[in-house]
Amino acid sequence: MTENRKVMANNIKRLMAAYNTNATEICKLLDIKQNTFSDWINAKSYPRIDKIELLANYFHVNKSVLVEEHSGEESEPLNYEEQKVVRAYRVADDGTKTAVCKLLDIERGAL
């Protein structure tokens, strides 16, 4: 179980960095005690499944992103706004996709 706590702690910290948030903000918004959250991110305890689901919803990720080990080679998870941009791009017409690629200086088809 110690390994699971470490994995969870690392994943929460990684998501906090990716979303530019902190423990105080998360605890306030999700009504979680600071001491409890501190124990999670310091691998002293493991959250119950309902709290894992609450965190997953907060970060807009699947629960597996919190509970499974991720190698350092993987890219950071997309935040909510980035997810919306990707979804919008996927359903956009060719003209819009071309304009987005031009704006971002990306060669179309090179993605």
C-alpha atoms as a PDB file:
ATOM      1  CA  MET A   1       0.000   0.000   0.000  1.00  0.00           C
ATOM      2  CA  THR A   2       2.932   2.330   0.592  1.00  0.00           C
ATOM      3  CA  GLU A   3       3.742   2.265  -3.120  1.00  0.00           C
ATOM      4  CA  ASN A   4       0.141   3.183  -3.986  1.00  0.00           C
ATOM      5  CA  ARG A   5       0.298   6.143  -1.619  1.00  0.00           C
ATOM      6  CA  LYS A   6       3.505   7.355  -3.278  1.00  0.00           C
ATOM      7  CA  VAL A   7       1.994   7.029  -6.753  1.00  0.00           C
ATOM      8  CA  MET A   8      -1.099   8.946  -5.684  1.00  0.00           C
ATOM      9  CA  ALA A   9       0.988  11.646  -3.989  1.00  0.00           C
ATOM     10  CA  ASN A  10       3.162  12.130  -7.062  1.00  0.00           C
ATOM     11  CA  ASN A  11       0.145  12.265  -9.370  1.00  0.00           C
ATOM     12  CA  ILE A  12      -1.670  14.838  -7.246  1.00  0.00           C
ATOM     13  CA  LYS A  13       1.455  17.016  -7.097  1.00  0.00           C
ATOM     14  CA  ARG A  14       1.970  16.693 -10.850  1.00  0.00           C
ATOM     15  CA  LEU A  15      -1.628  17.708 -11.539  1.00  0.00           C
ATOM     16  CA  MET A  16      -1.419  20.611  -9.101  1.00  0.00           C
ATOM     17  CA  ALA A  17       1.633  21.902 -10.977  1.00  0.00           C
ATOM     18  CA  ALA A  18      -0.027  21.390 -14.370  1.00  0.00           C
ATOM     19  CA  TYR A  19      -3.134  23.260 -13.243  1.00  0.00           C
ATOM     20  CA  ASN A  20      -1.169  25.908 -11.352  1.00  0.00           C
ATOM     21  CA  THR A  21      -3.163  25.340  -8.180  1.00  0.00           C
ATOM     22  CA  ASN A  22      -2.356  24.722  -4.543  1.00  0.00           C
ATOM     23  CA  ALA A  23      -3.566  22.636  -1.631  1.00  0.00           C
ATOM     24  CA  THR A  24      -5.401  25.517   0.032  1.00  0.00           C
ATOM     25  CA  GLU A  25      -7.473  26.208  -3.063  1.00  0.00           C
ATOM     26  CA  ILE A  26      -8.278  22.544  -3.641  1.00  0.00           C
ATOM     27  CA  CYS A  27      -9.248  21.962  -0.014  1.00  0.00           C
ATOM     28  CA  LYS A  28     -11.476  25.014   0.029  1.00  0.00           C
ATOM     29  CA  LEU A  29     -13.266  24.153  -3.229  1.00  0.00           C
ATOM     30  CA  LEU A  30     -13.668  20.446  -2.479  1.00  0.00           C
ATOM     31  CA  ASP A  31     -14.321  20.788   1.261  1.00  0.00           C
ATOM     32  CA  ILE A  32     -11.359  18.604   2.211  1.00  0.00           C
ATOM     33  CA  LYS A  33      -9.466  19.093   5.465  1.00  0.00           C
ATOM     34  CA  GLN A  34      -5.972  20.523   4.974  1.00  0.00           C
ATOM     35  CA  ASN A  35      -4.432  17.838   7.202  1.00  0.00           C
ATOM     36  CA  THR A  36      -6.089  15.082   5.197  1.00  0.00           C
ATOM     37  CA  PHE A  37      -4.923  16.531   1.887  1.00  0.00           C
ATOM     38  CA  SER A  38      -1.426  17.024   3.290  1.00  0.00           C
ATOM     39  CA  ASP A  39      -1.335  13.351   4.257  1.00  0.00           C
ATOM     40  CA  TRP A  40      -2.267  12.413   0.672  1.00  0.00           C
ATOM     41  CA  ILE A  41       0.428  14.519  -0.980  1.00  0.00           C
ATOM     42  CA  ASN A  42       3.007  13.358   1.550  1.00  0.00           C
ATOM     43  CA  ALA A  43       2.082   9.693   0.962  1.00  0.00           C
ATOM     44  CA  LYS A  44       1.037   9.204   4.584  1.00  0.00           C
ATOM     45  CA  SER A  45      -2.462   8.049   3.648  1.00  0.00           C
ATOM     46  CA  TYR A  46      -4.527   7.153   0.609  1.00  0.00           C
ATOM     47  CA  PRO A  47      -7.841   8.820  -0.243  1.00  0.00           C
ATOM     48  CA  ARG A  48     -11.099   6.897  -0.294  1.00  0.00           C
ATOM     49  CA  ILE A  49     -12.598   6.232  -3.720  1.00  0.00           C
ATOM     50  CA  ASP A  50     -15.153   9.042  -3.340  1.00  0.00           C
ATOM     51  CA  LYS A  51     -12.326  11.521  -2.744  1.00  0.00           C
ATOM     52  CA  ILE A  52     -10.364  10.119  -5.707  1.00  0.00           C
ATOM     53  CA  GLU A  53     -13.433  10.702  -7.858  1.00  0.00           C
ATOM     54  CA  LEU A  54     -13.790  14.225  -6.442  1.00  0.00           C
ATOM     55  CA  LEU A  55     -10.152  14.993  -7.312  1.00  0.00           C
ATOM     56  CA  ALA A  56     -10.502  13.460 -10.779  1.00  0.00           C
ATOM     57  CA  ASN A  57     -13.522  15.650 -11.462  1.00  0.00           C
ATOM     58  CA  TYR A  58     -11.697  18.717 -10.166  1.00  0.00           C
ATOM     59  CA  PHE A  59      -8.741  18.105 -12.485  1.00  0.00           C
ATOM     60  CA  HIS A  60     -10.979  16.932 -15.372  1.00  0.00           C
ATOM     61  CA  VAL A  61      -9.098  13.639 -15.670  1.00  0.00           C
ATOM     62  CA  ASN A  62      -9.934   9.960 -15.417  1.00  0.00           C
ATOM     63  CA  LYS A  63      -9.409   8.374 -12.012  1.00  0.00           C
ATOM     64  CA  SER A  64      -6.634   6.280 -13.548  1.00  0.00           C
ATOM     65  CA  VAL A  65      -4.548   9.448 -13.982  1.00  0.00           C
ATOM     66  CA  LEU A  66      -4.526   9.729 -10.192  1.00  0.00           C
ATOM     67  CA  VAL A  67      -4.049   6.105  -9.181  1.00  0.00           C
ATOM     68  CA  GLU A  68      -1.731   4.692 -11.846  1.00  0.00           C
ATOM     69  CA  GLU A  69       1.995   5.245 -12.099  1.00  0.00           C
ATOM     70  CA  HIS A  70       3.119   7.437 -14.974  1.00  0.00           C
ATOM     71  CA  SER A  71       6.630   7.524 -16.394  1.00  0.00           C
ATOM     72  CA  GLY A  72       8.460  10.840 -16.493  1.00  0.00           C
ATOM     73  CA  GLU A  73       8.552  10.622 -20.291  1.00  0.00           C
ATOM     74  CA  GLU A  74       4.816  11.193 -20.611  1.00  0.00           C
ATOM     75  CA  SER A  75       3.595  14.672 -21.277  1.00  0.00           C
ATOM     76  CA  GLU A  76       1.715  16.594 -18.629  1.00  0.00           C
ATOM     77  CA  PRO A  77      -2.040  16.075 -18.698  1.00  0.00           C
ATOM     78  CA  LEU A  78      -4.081  18.647 -20.543  1.00  0.00           C
ATOM     79  CA  ASN A  79      -5.867  21.126 -18.347  1.00  0.00           C
ATOM     80  CA  TYR A  80      -9.540  21.875 -18.886  1.00  0.00           C
ATOM     81  CA  GLU A  81      -8.996  24.734 -21.350  1.00  0.00           C
ATOM     82  CA  GLU A  82      -6.497  22.691 -23.355  1.00  0.00           C
ATOM     83  CA  GLN A  83      -8.949  19.803 -23.537  1.00  0.00           C
ATOM     84  CA  LYS A  84     -11.620  22.163 -24.871  1.00  0.00           C
ATOM     85  CA  VAL A  85      -9.214  23.501 -27.534  1.00  0.00           C
ATOM     86  CA  VAL A  86      -8.347  19.969 -28.664  1.00  0.00           C
ATOM     87  CA  ARG A  87     -12.028  18.986 -28.857  1.00  0.00           C
ATOM     88  CA  ALA A  88     -12.876  22.144 -30.811  1.00  0.00           C
ATOM     89  CA  TYR A  89      -9.985  21.559 -33.218  1.00  0.00           C
ATOM     90  CA  ARG A  90     -11.062  17.976 -33.852  1.00  0.00           C
ATOM     91  CA  VAL A  91     -14.529  19.031 -34.998  1.00  0.00           C
ATOM     92  CA  ALA A  92     -13.436  22.181 -36.866  1.00  0.00           C
ATOM     93  CA  ASP A  93     -13.597  22.470 -40.645  1.00  0.00           C
ATOM     94  CA  ASP A  94     -10.418  22.433 -42.739  1.00  0.00           C
ATOM     95  CA  GLY A  95     -10.287  26.225 -43.056  1.00  0.00           C
ATOM     96  CA  THR A  96     -10.346  26.672 -39.288  1.00  0.00           C
ATOM     97  CA  LYS A  97      -7.725  23.956 -38.764  1.00  0.00           C
ATOM     98  CA  THR A  98      -5.475  25.613 -41.368  1.00  0.00           C
ATOM     99  CA  ALA A  99      -5.896  29.003 -39.657  1.00  0.00           C
ATOM    100  CA  VAL A 100      -5.079  27.536 -36.233  1.00  0.00           C
ATOM    101  CA  CYS A 101      -1.961  25.823 -37.571  1.00  0.00           C
ATOM    102  CA  LYS A 102      -0.855  29.019 -39.274  1.00  0.00           C
ATOM    103  CA  LEU A 103      -1.418  31.029 -36.093  1.00  0.00           C
ATOM    104  CA  LEU A 104       0.633  28.538 -34.081  1.00  0.00           C
ATOM    105  CA  ASP A 105       3.285  28.207 -36.788  1.00  0.00           C
ATOM    106  CA  ILE A 106       2.638  24.486 -37.145  1.00  0.00           C
ATOM    107  CA  GLU A 107       2.924  22.779 -40.512  1.00  0.00           C
ATOM    108  CA  ARG A 108      -0.471  21.218 -41.189  1.00  0.00           C
ATOM    109  CA  GLY A 109      -0.267  17.459 -41.176  1.00  0.00           C
ATOM    110  CA  ALA A 110       2.926  17.504 -39.125  1.00  0.00           C
ATOM    111  CA  LEU A 111       1.055  16.881 -35.889  1.00  0.00           C
END
